[in-house]
Amino acid sequence: MSIDNLLDRTWSKGYTCNEFACEAWKQITGKDLSKRIYKVLNGKGRFKRLEEPISPCLVLFKNDDRSPTHVGLFYCDKLLHLTPRGVQFIPLEVVAMHFKEVRYYT
């Protein structure tokens, strides 16, 4: 499946990594994730935690309790995520080294 149409997305006040992850997840899996992801990020829901990433799965990044959670998708052995600089589709290790905690979920 091609994800080329997602690569031109840009970060804005109303479209962040959360909205991008939901859009990408729907395109890749056909399932709407938006309500679930907002519940989880607000501490009112949960996903199934994985020990290792599988394609596709959600990847949540965090540095500490005061920092916001960043979210992306592990897909085709890379991380697909939106940053303020634009969309990246790069090796997971490149992003993970900037965070203290990396968790995988379905």
C-alpha atoms as a PDB file:
ATOM      1  CA  MET A   1       0.000   0.000   0.000  1.00  0.00           C
ATOM      2  CA  SER A   2       1.315   3.419  -0.928  1.00  0.00           C
ATOM      3  CA  ILE A   3       1.517   6.113   1.738  1.00  0.00           C
ATOM      4  CA  ASP A   4       2.805   8.774  -0.658  1.00  0.00           C
ATOM      5  CA  ASN A   5      -0.343  10.887  -0.259  1.00  0.00           C
ATOM      6  CA  LEU A   6       0.412  11.276   3.473  1.00  0.00           C
ATOM      7  CA  LEU A   7       3.929  12.629   3.003  1.00  0.00           C
ATOM      8  CA  ASP A   8       2.864  16.208   2.314  1.00  0.00           C
ATOM      9  CA  ARG A   9       0.986  16.774   5.588  1.00  0.00           C
ATOM     10  CA  THR A  10       2.051  19.717   7.731  1.00  0.00           C
ATOM     11  CA  TRP A  11       1.852  20.344  11.468  1.00  0.00           C
ATOM     12  CA  SER A  12      -0.612  22.997  12.595  1.00  0.00           C
ATOM     13  CA  LYS A  13      -2.511  23.905  15.739  1.00  0.00           C
ATOM     14  CA  GLY A  14      -5.404  21.676  14.650  1.00  0.00           C
ATOM     15  CA  TYR A  15      -3.404  18.916  12.946  1.00  0.00           C
ATOM     16  CA  THR A  16      -0.624  17.377  15.020  1.00  0.00           C
ATOM     17  CA  CYS A  17       0.959  13.949  15.351  1.00  0.00           C
ATOM     18  CA  ASN A  18      -2.293  12.675  16.893  1.00  0.00           C
ATOM     19  CA  GLU A  19      -4.470  13.577  13.927  1.00  0.00           C
ATOM     20  CA  PHE A  20      -1.816  12.386  11.514  1.00  0.00           C
ATOM     21  CA  ALA A  21      -1.543   9.015  13.265  1.00  0.00           C
ATOM     22  CA  CYS A  22      -5.324   8.602  13.068  1.00  0.00           C
ATOM     23  CA  GLU A  23      -5.391   9.472   9.368  1.00  0.00           C
ATOM     24  CA  ALA A  24      -2.479   7.155   8.563  1.00  0.00           C
ATOM     25  CA  TRP A  25      -3.948   4.313  10.649  1.00  0.00           C
ATOM     26  CA  LYS A  26      -7.276   4.585   8.851  1.00  0.00           C
ATOM     27  CA  GLN A  27      -5.590   4.535   5.460  1.00  0.00           C
ATOM     28  CA  ILE A  28      -3.378   1.560   6.337  1.00  0.00           C
ATOM     29  CA  THR A  29      -5.858  -0.554   8.338  1.00  0.00           C
ATOM     30  CA  GLY A  30      -9.254   0.797   7.307  1.00  0.00           C
ATOM     31  CA  LYS A  31     -10.115   1.405  10.978  1.00  0.00           C
ATOM     32  CA  ASP A  32     -10.948   4.740  12.614  1.00  0.00           C
ATOM     33  CA  LEU A  33      -8.671   5.258  15.590  1.00  0.00           C
ATOM     34  CA  SER A  34      -9.520   8.850  16.498  1.00  0.00           C
ATOM     35  CA  LYS A  35     -11.830   8.274  19.490  1.00  0.00           C
ATOM     36  CA  ARG A  36      -9.656   5.527  20.922  1.00  0.00           C
ATOM     37  CA  ILE A  37      -6.397   7.447  20.686  1.00  0.00           C
ATOM     38  CA  TYR A  38      -7.793  10.533  22.413  1.00  0.00           C
ATOM     39  CA  LYS A  39      -9.152   8.413  25.273  1.00  0.00           C
ATOM     40  CA  VAL A  40      -5.780   6.743  25.721  1.00  0.00           C
ATOM     41  CA  LEU A  41      -3.845  10.002  25.587  1.00  0.00           C
ATOM     42  CA  ASN A  42      -6.217  11.416  28.226  1.00  0.00           C
ATOM     43  CA  GLY A  43      -5.822   8.390  30.516  1.00  0.00           C
ATOM     44  CA  LYS A  44      -9.323   7.011  29.935  1.00  0.00           C
ATOM     45  CA  GLY A  45      -8.670   4.059  27.667  1.00  0.00           C
ATOM     46  CA  ARG A  46      -6.038   1.579  26.681  1.00  0.00           C
ATOM     47  CA  PHE A  47      -4.459  -0.245  23.839  1.00  0.00           C
ATOM     48  CA  LYS A  48      -2.865  -3.678  23.899  1.00  0.00           C
ATOM     49  CA  ARG A  49       0.810  -3.201  24.720  1.00  0.00           C
ATOM     50  CA  LEU A  50       3.405  -5.035  22.639  1.00  0.00           C
ATOM     51  CA  GLU A  51       6.942  -5.989  23.628  1.00  0.00           C
ATOM     52  CA  GLU A  52       8.264  -5.379  20.113  1.00  0.00           C
ATOM     53  CA  PRO A  53       6.839  -3.366  17.223  1.00  0.00           C
ATOM     54  CA  ILE A  54       4.790  -5.120  14.551  1.00  0.00           C
ATOM     55  CA  SER A  55       3.606  -3.591  11.302  1.00  0.00           C
ATOM     56  CA  PRO A  56       1.341  -1.721  11.704  1.00  0.00           C
ATOM     57  CA  CYS A  57       1.287  -0.616  15.324  1.00  0.00           C
ATOM     58  CA  LEU A  58       1.194   2.637  17.247  1.00  0.00           C
ATOM     59  CA  VAL A  59       4.380   3.948  18.799  1.00  0.00           C
ATOM     60  CA  LEU A  60       4.150   6.310  21.759  1.00  0.00           C
ATOM     61  CA  PHE A  61       7.182   8.359  22.771  1.00  0.00           C
ATOM     62  CA  LYS A  62       7.650  10.227  26.032  1.00  0.00           C
ATOM     63  CA  ASN A  63      10.437  11.893  27.987  1.00  0.00           C
ATOM     64  CA  ASP A  64       8.767  12.496  31.365  1.00  0.00           C
ATOM     65  CA  ASP A  65       5.386  13.138  32.969  1.00  0.00           C
ATOM     66  CA  ARG A  66       5.535  16.838  32.135  1.00  0.00           C
ATOM     67  CA  SER A  67       6.235  16.355  28.444  1.00  0.00           C
ATOM     68  CA  PRO A  68       3.538  15.610  25.885  1.00  0.00           C
ATOM     69  CA  THR A  69       3.296  12.161  24.368  1.00  0.00           C
ATOM     70  CA  HIS A  70       4.352  11.932  20.735  1.00  0.00           C
ATOM     71  CA  VAL A  71       2.688   9.301  18.538  1.00  0.00           C
ATOM     72  CA  GLY A  72       3.562   7.665  15.254  1.00  0.00           C
ATOM     73  CA  LEU A  73       3.009   4.434  13.364  1.00  0.00           C
ATOM     74  CA  PHE A  74       5.438   1.609  12.893  1.00  0.00           C
ATOM     75  CA  TYR A  75       4.808   0.491   9.330  1.00  0.00           C
ATOM     76  CA  CYS A  76       6.949  -1.510   6.902  1.00  0.00           C
ATOM     77  CA  ASP A  77       9.853  -1.536   9.388  1.00  0.00           C
ATOM     78  CA  LYS A  78       9.960   2.265   9.701  1.00  0.00           C
ATOM     79  CA  LEU A  79       8.320   4.981  11.766  1.00  0.00           C
ATOM     80  CA  LEU A  80       5.752   7.147  10.022  1.00  0.00           C
ATOM     81  CA  HIS A  81       5.075  10.300  12.030  1.00  0.00           C
ATOM     82  CA  LEU A  82       4.422  14.007  11.796  1.00  0.00           C
ATOM     83  CA  THR A  83       6.760  16.555  13.337  1.00  0.00           C
ATOM     84  CA  PRO A  84       6.656  20.354  13.231  1.00  0.00           C
ATOM     85  CA  ARG A  85       9.119  20.005  10.321  1.00  0.00           C
ATOM     86  CA  GLY A  86       6.797  17.690   8.375  1.00  0.00           C
ATOM     87  CA  VAL A  87       6.222  13.987   7.848  1.00  0.00           C
ATOM     88  CA  GLN A  88       9.057  11.552   8.393  1.00  0.00           C
ATOM     89  CA  PHE A  89       9.198   7.908   7.329  1.00  0.00           C
ATOM     90  CA  ILE A  90      12.481   6.831   8.871  1.00  0.00           C
ATOM     91  CA  PRO A  91      14.051   4.065  10.959  1.00  0.00           C
ATOM     92  CA  LEU A  92      12.469   3.869  14.408  1.00  0.00           C
ATOM     93  CA  GLU A  93      15.876   4.012  16.098  1.00  0.00           C
ATOM     94  CA  VAL A  94      16.529   7.496  14.728  1.00  0.00           C
ATOM     95  CA  VAL A  95      13.512   8.924  16.550  1.00  0.00           C
ATOM     96  CA  ALA A  96      13.668   6.665  19.621  1.00  0.00           C
ATOM     97  CA  MET A  97      17.092   7.956  20.637  1.00  0.00           C
ATOM     98  CA  HIS A  98      15.495  11.359  21.409  1.00  0.00           C
ATOM     99  CA  PHE A  99      13.025   9.935  23.951  1.00  0.00           C
ATOM    100  CA  LYS A 100      13.390   8.172  27.301  1.00  0.00           C
ATOM    101  CA  GLU A 101      10.372   5.932  26.815  1.00  0.00           C
ATOM    102  CA  VAL A 102       9.151   4.180  23.654  1.00  0.00           C
ATOM    103  CA  ARG A 103       6.083   1.921  23.791  1.00  0.00           C
ATOM    104  CA  TYR A 104       4.291  -0.118  21.137  1.00  0.00           C
ATOM    105  CA  TYR A 105       0.551  -0.760  20.938  1.00  0.00           C
ATOM    106  CA  THR A 106      -2.205  -2.236  18.805  1.00  0.00           C
END
